[in-house]
C-alpha atoms as a PDB file:
ATOM      1  CA  MET A   1     -47.044 -22.997  42.992  1.00  0.00           C
ATOM      2  CA  ALA A   2     -46.995 -24.782  39.487  1.00  0.00           C
ATOM      3  CA  SER A   3     -46.898 -22.552  36.810  1.00  0.00           C
ATOM      4  CA  GLY A   4     -49.676 -22.591  33.871  1.00  0.00           C
ATOM      5  CA  LEU A   5     -49.831 -21.439  30.585  1.00  0.00           C
ATOM      6  CA  GLY A   6     -49.929 -17.770  31.226  1.00  0.00           C
ATOM      7  CA  HIS A   7     -49.306 -16.152  28.186  1.00  0.00           C
ATOM      8  CA  HIS A   8     -48.575 -19.301  26.479  1.00  0.00           C
ATOM      9  CA  GLU A   9     -52.358 -19.847  25.503  1.00  0.00           C
ATOM     10  CA  ARG A  10     -51.801 -22.082  22.596  1.00  0.00           C
ATOM     11  CA  MET A  11     -51.054 -25.858  23.350  1.00  0.00           C
ATOM     12  CA  ASP A  12     -52.432 -26.873  20.236  1.00  0.00           C
ATOM     13  CA  HIS A  13     -50.314 -29.765  18.155  1.00  0.00           C
ATOM     14  CA  ASP A  14     -48.746 -27.155  15.898  1.00  0.00           C
ATOM     15  CA  HIS A  15     -47.368 -25.211  18.754  1.00  0.00           C
ATOM     16  CA  LEU A  16     -46.329 -28.301  20.543  1.00  0.00           C
ATOM     17  CA  ARG A  17     -44.531 -29.512  17.366  1.00  0.00           C
ATOM     18  CA  ASP A  18     -42.709 -26.177  17.167  1.00  0.00           C
ATOM     19  CA  LEU A  19     -41.745 -26.303  20.661  1.00  0.00           C
ATOM     20  CA  PHE A  20     -40.473 -29.884  20.440  1.00  0.00           C
ATOM     21  CA  GLU A  21     -38.905 -29.499  16.924  1.00  0.00           C
ATOM     22  CA  GLY A  22     -35.234 -30.603  18.285  1.00  0.00           C
ATOM     23  CA  VAL A  23     -36.982 -34.035  19.382  1.00  0.00           C
ATOM     24  CA  GLU A  24     -39.217 -34.686  16.372  1.00  0.00           C
ATOM     25  CA  PRO A  25     -40.661 -36.971  15.315  1.00  0.00           C
ATOM     26  CA  ILE A  26     -43.279 -36.839  17.987  1.00  0.00           C
ATOM     27  CA  THR A  27     -46.916 -38.185  18.235  1.00  0.00           C
ATOM     28  CA  PHE A  28     -49.778 -37.194  20.168  1.00  0.00           C
ATOM     29  CA  ARG A  29     -52.447 -39.374  21.923  1.00  0.00           C
ATOM     30  CA  ARG A  30     -55.629 -38.118  23.786  1.00  0.00           C
ATOM     31  CA  MET A  31     -55.565 -39.416  27.454  1.00  0.00           C
ATOM     32  CA  PHE A  32     -57.579 -38.946  30.758  1.00  0.00           C
ATOM     33  CA  GLY A  33     -58.654 -35.601  29.680  1.00  0.00           C
ATOM     34  CA  GLY A  34     -55.285 -34.479  28.314  1.00  0.00           C
ATOM     35  CA  LEU A  35     -52.893 -35.241  25.888  1.00  0.00           C
ATOM     36  CA  GLY A  36     -49.939 -37.467  25.941  1.00  0.00           C
ATOM     37  CA  ILE A  37     -46.671 -36.555  23.799  1.00  0.00           C
ATOM     38  CA  TYR A  38     -44.655 -39.630  22.626  1.00  0.00           C
ATOM     39  CA  ARG A  39     -41.257 -40.077  20.977  1.00  0.00           C
ATOM     40  CA  ASP A  40     -40.546 -43.688  19.598  1.00  0.00           C
ATOM     41  CA  GLY A  41     -43.919 -44.805  21.223  1.00  0.00           C
ATOM     42  CA  ILE A  42     -42.794 -43.762  24.709  1.00  0.00           C
ATOM     43  CA  ILE A  43     -44.743 -41.058  26.388  1.00  0.00           C
ATOM     44  CA  PHE A  44     -42.284 -38.142  27.747  1.00  0.00           C
ATOM     45  CA  ALA A  45     -44.587 -35.480  28.439  1.00  0.00           C
ATOM     46  CA  VAL A  46     -48.395 -34.443  29.065  1.00  0.00           C
ATOM     47  CA  VAL A  47     -50.403 -31.668  28.897  1.00  0.00           C
ATOM     48  CA  LEU A  48     -53.139 -31.735  31.642  1.00  0.00           C
ATOM     49  CA  ARG A  49     -55.486 -28.730  32.617  1.00  0.00           C
ATOM     50  CA  ASP A  50     -53.485 -26.444  30.077  1.00  0.00           C
ATOM     51  CA  GLN A  51     -50.201 -27.300  31.709  1.00  0.00           C
ATOM     52  CA  LEU A  52     -47.077 -28.650  30.092  1.00  0.00           C
ATOM     53  CA  MET A  53     -45.343 -31.629  32.083  1.00  0.00           C
ATOM     54  CA  LEU A  54     -42.204 -33.534  31.250  1.00  0.00           C
ATOM     55  CA  LYS A  55     -41.500 -37.077  32.462  1.00  0.00           C
ATOM     56  CA  GLY A  56     -38.945 -37.472  35.053  1.00  0.00           C
ATOM     57  CA  ASP A  57     -36.859 -39.789  37.704  1.00  0.00           C
ATOM     58  CA  GLU A  58     -34.639 -39.806  40.263  1.00  0.00           C
ATOM     59  CA  GLU A  59     -31.868 -39.209  37.835  1.00  0.00           C
ATOM     60  CA  VAL A  60     -33.117 -35.938  36.471  1.00  0.00           C
ATOM     61  CA  ALA A  61     -34.994 -34.561  39.791  1.00  0.00           C
ATOM     62  CA  ASP A  62     -32.406 -32.369  40.952  1.00  0.00           C
ATOM     63  CA  ASP A  63     -31.980 -30.871  37.592  1.00  0.00           C
ATOM     64  CA  TYR A  64     -35.709 -30.409  37.308  1.00  0.00           C
ATOM     65  CA  GLU A  65     -36.124 -28.704  40.911  1.00  0.00           C
ATOM     66  CA  ALA A  66     -33.194 -26.653  40.298  1.00  0.00           C
ATOM     67  CA  ALA A  67     -34.811 -25.084  37.405  1.00  0.00           C
ATOM     68  CA  GLY A  68     -37.747 -24.439  39.136  1.00  0.00           C
ATOM     69  CA  MET A  69     -40.116 -27.344  37.853  1.00  0.00           C
ATOM     70  CA  GLN A  70     -42.457 -28.553  40.376  1.00  0.00           C
ATOM     71  CA  ARG A  71     -43.502 -32.214  40.591  1.00  0.00           C
ATOM     72  CA  TRP A  72     -47.036 -33.234  39.907  1.00  0.00           C
ATOM     73  CA  GLN A  73     -48.437 -34.251  42.992  1.00  0.00           C
ATOM     74  CA  TYR A  74     -52.179 -35.000  44.212  1.00  0.00           C
ATOM     75  CA  VAL A  75     -54.011 -36.416  47.334  1.00  0.00           C
ATOM     76  CA  GLY A  76     -55.961 -39.667  46.490  1.00  0.00           C
ATOM     77  CA  THR A  77     -59.482 -39.611  47.375  1.00  0.00           C
ATOM     78  CA  ARG A  78     -59.593 -43.166  48.906  1.00  0.00           C
ATOM     79  CA  HIS A  79     -56.467 -43.192  51.310  1.00  0.00           C
ATOM     80  CA  GLY A  80     -56.033 -39.284  51.690  1.00  0.00           C
ATOM     81  CA  LYS A  81     -52.279 -39.683  50.926  1.00  0.00           C
ATOM     82  CA  THR A  82     -50.167 -37.481  48.649  1.00  0.00           C
ATOM     83  CA  VAL A  83     -49.272 -39.362  45.617  1.00  0.00           C
ATOM     84  CA  ALA A  84     -46.113 -38.040  43.545  1.00  0.00           C
ATOM     85  CA  MET A  85     -46.410 -38.516  39.850  1.00  0.00           C
ATOM     86  CA  PRO A  86     -43.458 -38.973  37.698  1.00  0.00           C
ATOM     87  CA  TYR A  87     -43.880 -35.288  35.918  1.00  0.00           C
ATOM     88  CA  TRP A  88     -42.819 -32.155  36.642  1.00  0.00           C
ATOM     89  CA  THR A  89     -43.930 -28.677  35.484  1.00  0.00           C
ATOM     90  CA  ALA A  90     -42.072 -27.492  32.171  1.00  0.00           C
ATOM     91  CA  PRO A  91     -39.984 -24.541  32.969  1.00  0.00           C
ATOM     92  CA  ASP A  92     -41.635 -21.113  31.835  1.00  0.00           C
ATOM     93  CA  SER A  93     -38.321 -20.209  30.379  1.00  0.00           C
ATOM     94  CA  ALA A  94     -38.587 -22.968  27.860  1.00  0.00           C
ATOM     95  CA  MET A  95     -42.211 -22.359  27.042  1.00  0.00           C
ATOM     96  CA  ASP A  96     -41.542 -19.888  24.051  1.00  0.00           C
ATOM     97  CA  ASP A  97     -37.983 -21.323  23.476  1.00  0.00           C
ATOM     98  CA  PRO A  98     -37.597 -24.540  21.293  1.00  0.00           C
ATOM     99  CA  ASP A  99     -33.643 -24.597  21.928  1.00  0.00           C
ATOM    100  CA  GLU A 100     -34.146 -24.591  25.591  1.00  0.00           C
ATOM    101  CA  MET A 101     -37.205 -26.994  25.564  1.00  0.00           C
ATOM    102  CA  THR A 102     -35.131 -29.417  23.471  1.00  0.00           C
ATOM    103  CA  LEU A 103     -32.404 -29.722  26.345  1.00  0.00           C
ATOM    104  CA  TRP A 104     -35.608 -30.591  28.809  1.00  0.00           C
ATOM    105  CA  ALA A 105     -37.092 -32.709  26.173  1.00  0.00           C
ATOM    106  CA  ARG A 106     -34.157 -34.816  25.900  1.00  0.00           C
ATOM    107  CA  LYS A 107     -34.032 -35.438  29.687  1.00  0.00           C
ATOM    108  CA  ALA A 108     -37.618 -36.525  29.782  1.00  0.00           C
ATOM    109  CA  ILE A 109     -37.209 -38.931  26.743  1.00  0.00           C
ATOM    110  CA  GLU A 110     -34.182 -40.456  28.563  1.00  0.00           C
ATOM    111  CA  ALA A 111     -36.114 -40.808  31.879  1.00  0.00           C
ATOM    112  CA  ALA A 112     -39.359 -42.309  29.940  1.00  0.00           C
ATOM    113  CA  ARG A 113     -36.795 -44.748  28.403  1.00  0.00           C
ATOM    114  CA  ARG A 114     -35.588 -45.682  31.774  1.00  0.00           C
ATOM    115  CA  ALA A 115     -38.925 -46.070  32.830  1.00  0.00           C
ATOM    116  CA  ALA A 116     -39.891 -48.303  29.829  1.00  0.00           C
ATOM    117  CA  ALA A 117     -36.844 -50.331  30.481  1.00  0.00           C
ATOM    118  CA  ARG A 118     -37.961 -51.062  34.112  1.00  0.00           C
ATOM    119  CA  ALA A 119     -41.328 -51.878  33.046  1.00  0.00           C
END
């Protein structure tokens, strides 16, 4: 089961800036009912339905899954197939620990840079 905020009720800009202080400067943009979190103009995290998710790819998937992070997936309404998005839930242990979040955010930023280079 994907982890939500639980006792981490505040996902406002101030809380997110504190959480990502180790990878500042970051910027925010509202998007499809959620919030995109950017570094150097490249999206590396999103907040959707009160859940923080970090960008990933095949290079970090094993690390993410070993930490209990779960990939964002949904079933497409037109074709009924499961679609896997390139985002994983942030680990609960990092939600109140900016030092730990910095380690995960750096992986997410590198994955985002690789994706931007391929685009």
